[in-house]
N, C-alpha and C. Protein backbone atom coordinates (compact mmCIF):
# COMPACT_ATOMS: atom_id res chain seq x y z
N TYR A 1 -3.98 -8.27 0.80
CA TYR A 1 -4.80 -7.39 -0.03
C TYR A 1 -4.32 -7.50 -1.46
N ARG A 2 -5.23 -7.81 -2.36
CA ARG A 2 -4.87 -7.94 -3.79
C ARG A 2 -5.39 -6.74 -4.55
N TYR A 3 -4.54 -6.20 -5.41
CA TYR A 3 -4.93 -5.05 -6.21
C TYR A 3 -5.55 -5.54 -7.51
N PRO A 4 -6.59 -4.83 -7.99
CA PRO A 4 -7.11 -5.18 -9.32
C PRO A 4 -6.03 -4.89 -10.36
N LEU A 5 -5.95 -5.75 -11.39
CA LEU A 5 -4.90 -5.58 -12.40
C LEU A 5 -5.49 -5.09 -13.72
N ASP A 6 -4.70 -4.30 -14.45
CA ASP A 6 -5.15 -3.87 -15.78
C ASP A 6 -4.81 -4.97 -16.79
N GLU A 7 -5.07 -4.69 -18.08
CA GLU A 7 -4.85 -5.71 -19.11
C GLU A 7 -3.40 -6.13 -19.25
N ARG A 8 -2.48 -5.32 -18.75
CA ARG A 8 -1.06 -5.68 -18.81
C ARG A 8 -0.57 -6.36 -17.54
N GLY A 9 -1.50 -6.57 -16.60
CA GLY A 9 -1.11 -7.23 -15.37
C GLY A 9 -0.50 -6.32 -14.33
N ARG A 10 -0.64 -5.01 -14.53
CA ARG A 10 -0.11 -4.07 -13.55
C ARG A 10 -1.21 -3.66 -12.58
N PRO A 11 -0.84 -3.35 -11.33
CA PRO A 11 -1.86 -2.96 -10.37
C PRO A 11 -2.56 -1.66 -10.79
N VAL A 12 -3.88 -1.66 -10.62
CA VAL A 12 -4.65 -0.44 -10.86
C VAL A 12 -4.71 0.30 -9.53
N ILE A 13 -4.20 1.51 -9.52
CA ILE A 13 -4.12 2.25 -8.26
C ILE A 13 -5.27 3.23 -8.16
N SER A 14 -6.06 3.07 -7.11
CA SER A 14 -7.17 3.99 -6.90
C SER A 14 -6.63 5.30 -6.36
N GLU A 15 -7.44 6.33 -6.46
CA GLU A 15 -7.08 7.66 -5.97
C GLU A 15 -6.74 7.57 -4.48
N GLU A 16 -7.51 6.78 -3.76
CA GLU A 16 -7.33 6.61 -2.32
C GLU A 16 -5.95 6.01 -2.01
N LEU A 17 -5.59 4.95 -2.75
CA LEU A 17 -4.30 4.30 -2.53
C LEU A 17 -3.15 5.22 -2.91
N LEU A 18 -3.35 5.99 -3.97
CA LEU A 18 -2.32 6.91 -4.41
C LEU A 18 -2.03 7.93 -3.30
N LEU A 19 -3.08 8.43 -2.66
CA LEU A 19 -2.93 9.36 -1.55
C LEU A 19 -2.16 8.71 -0.41
N LEU A 20 -2.49 7.46 -0.12
CA LEU A 20 -1.81 6.73 0.95
C LEU A 20 -0.33 6.58 0.66
N ILE A 21 -0.02 6.21 -0.58
CA ILE A 21 1.37 6.01 -0.96
C ILE A 21 2.14 7.32 -0.88
N ARG A 22 1.52 8.41 -1.35
CA ARG A 22 2.18 9.71 -1.29
C ARG A 22 2.37 10.17 0.15
N HIS A 23 1.35 9.93 0.96
CA HIS A 23 1.37 10.42 2.34
C HIS A 23 2.33 9.63 3.22
N PHE A 24 2.28 8.31 3.12
CA PHE A 24 3.07 7.47 4.01
C PHE A 24 4.37 6.98 3.40
N GLY A 25 4.44 6.97 2.06
CA GLY A 25 5.65 6.51 1.40
C GLY A 25 5.99 5.07 1.73
N VAL A 26 4.97 4.23 1.90
CA VAL A 26 5.24 2.83 2.22
C VAL A 26 5.02 1.96 0.99
N PRO A 27 5.73 0.84 0.91
CA PRO A 27 5.55 -0.06 -0.23
C PRO A 27 4.28 -0.88 -0.07
N LEU A 28 3.16 -0.33 -0.49
CA LEU A 28 1.87 -1.01 -0.30
C LEU A 28 1.69 -2.23 -1.19
N PHE A 29 2.62 -2.40 -2.15
CA PHE A 29 2.46 -3.51 -3.07
C PHE A 29 3.13 -4.79 -2.60
N ALA A 30 3.77 -4.74 -1.46
CA ALA A 30 4.45 -5.94 -0.97
C ALA A 30 3.45 -7.06 -0.74
N ASP A 31 3.77 -8.24 -1.16
CA ASP A 31 2.96 -9.41 -0.86
C ASP A 31 3.90 -10.58 -0.60
N GLU A 32 3.34 -11.77 -0.55
CA GLU A 32 4.15 -12.94 -0.20
C GLU A 32 5.35 -13.11 -1.14
N SER A 33 5.15 -12.79 -2.42
CA SER A 33 6.23 -13.00 -3.39
C SER A 33 7.39 -12.02 -3.18
N ASP A 34 7.15 -10.97 -2.41
CA ASP A 34 8.20 -9.98 -2.16
C ASP A 34 8.97 -10.26 -0.89
N GLU A 35 8.67 -11.36 -0.24
CA GLU A 35 9.23 -11.62 1.07
C GLU A 35 10.76 -11.60 1.08
N GLU A 36 11.37 -12.15 0.01
CA GLU A 36 12.84 -12.17 -0.04
C GLU A 36 13.39 -10.75 -0.09
N ILE A 37 12.68 -9.87 -0.79
CA ILE A 37 13.14 -8.49 -0.93
C ILE A 37 12.92 -7.71 0.37
N TRP A 38 11.71 -7.84 0.92
CA TRP A 38 11.35 -7.02 2.07
C TRP A 38 11.71 -7.63 3.41
N GLY A 39 11.72 -8.96 3.46
CA GLY A 39 12.07 -9.65 4.70
C GLY A 39 11.21 -9.24 5.88
N ASP A 40 11.87 -8.83 6.97
CA ASP A 40 11.16 -8.48 8.20
C ASP A 40 10.29 -7.24 8.06
N ALA A 41 10.59 -6.41 7.07
CA ALA A 41 9.81 -5.20 6.88
C ALA A 41 8.34 -5.54 6.64
N LEU A 42 8.10 -6.69 6.01
CA LEU A 42 6.73 -7.09 5.71
C LEU A 42 5.89 -7.23 6.98
N SER A 43 6.45 -7.86 7.99
CA SER A 43 5.67 -8.11 9.19
C SER A 43 5.36 -6.83 9.96
N SER A 44 6.18 -5.80 9.77
CA SER A 44 5.95 -4.57 10.50
C SER A 44 5.26 -3.51 9.65
N MET A 45 4.91 -3.87 8.41
CA MET A 45 4.26 -2.91 7.53
C MET A 45 2.85 -2.60 8.01
N PRO A 46 2.46 -1.33 7.96
CA PRO A 46 1.09 -0.98 8.34
C PRO A 46 0.10 -1.57 7.34
N THR A 47 -1.05 -1.95 7.82
CA THR A 47 -2.06 -2.47 6.91
C THR A 47 -2.76 -1.32 6.22
N VAL A 48 -3.37 -1.60 5.09
CA VAL A 48 -4.09 -0.58 4.35
C VAL A 48 -5.21 0.00 5.22
N ALA A 49 -5.87 -0.87 5.97
CA ALA A 49 -6.96 -0.40 6.83
C ALA A 49 -6.46 0.60 7.87
N ARG A 50 -5.31 0.30 8.47
CA ARG A 50 -4.76 1.21 9.47
C ARG A 50 -4.32 2.52 8.82
N LEU A 51 -3.76 2.42 7.61
CA LEU A 51 -3.35 3.62 6.89
C LEU A 51 -4.56 4.51 6.60
N LEU A 52 -5.68 3.87 6.22
CA LEU A 52 -6.89 4.64 5.94
C LEU A 52 -7.36 5.37 7.19
N GLU A 53 -7.28 4.70 8.33
CA GLU A 53 -7.67 5.33 9.59
C GLU A 53 -6.79 6.54 9.89
N GLU A 54 -5.49 6.36 9.70
CA GLU A 54 -4.54 7.45 9.91
C GLU A 54 -4.84 8.61 8.96
N LEU A 55 -5.14 8.26 7.73
CA LEU A 55 -5.40 9.26 6.71
C LEU A 55 -6.61 10.12 7.09
N LYS A 56 -7.63 9.49 7.64
CA LYS A 56 -8.83 10.23 8.05
C LYS A 56 -8.50 11.23 9.15
N ARG A 57 -7.53 10.87 9.98
CA ARG A 57 -7.19 11.72 11.13
C ARG A 57 -6.21 12.84 10.79
N SER A 58 -5.43 12.66 9.73
CA SER A 58 -4.44 13.69 9.42
C SER A 58 -4.60 14.19 8.00
N PRO A 59 -4.49 15.50 7.81
CA PRO A 59 -4.62 16.04 6.45
C PRO A 59 -3.48 15.55 5.56
N VAL A 60 -3.80 15.23 4.32
CA VAL A 60 -2.79 14.71 3.40
C VAL A 60 -1.98 15.85 2.80
N MET A 61 -2.67 16.90 2.44
CA MET A 61 -1.99 18.00 1.75
C MET A 61 -1.41 19.00 2.75
């Protein structure tokens, strides 16, 4: 999943993604270039789609 970038090359975070990050506290920005940092954590990371499903089922606030 690629995030849209602003003029400075930083990810633009939608309200939806912000809620996901606050709710789950997961590093949603991990991608292939982060593999050295995250290692095995990458393969076990929940997908954004699954997080959205979870979010629908549980109240965020």
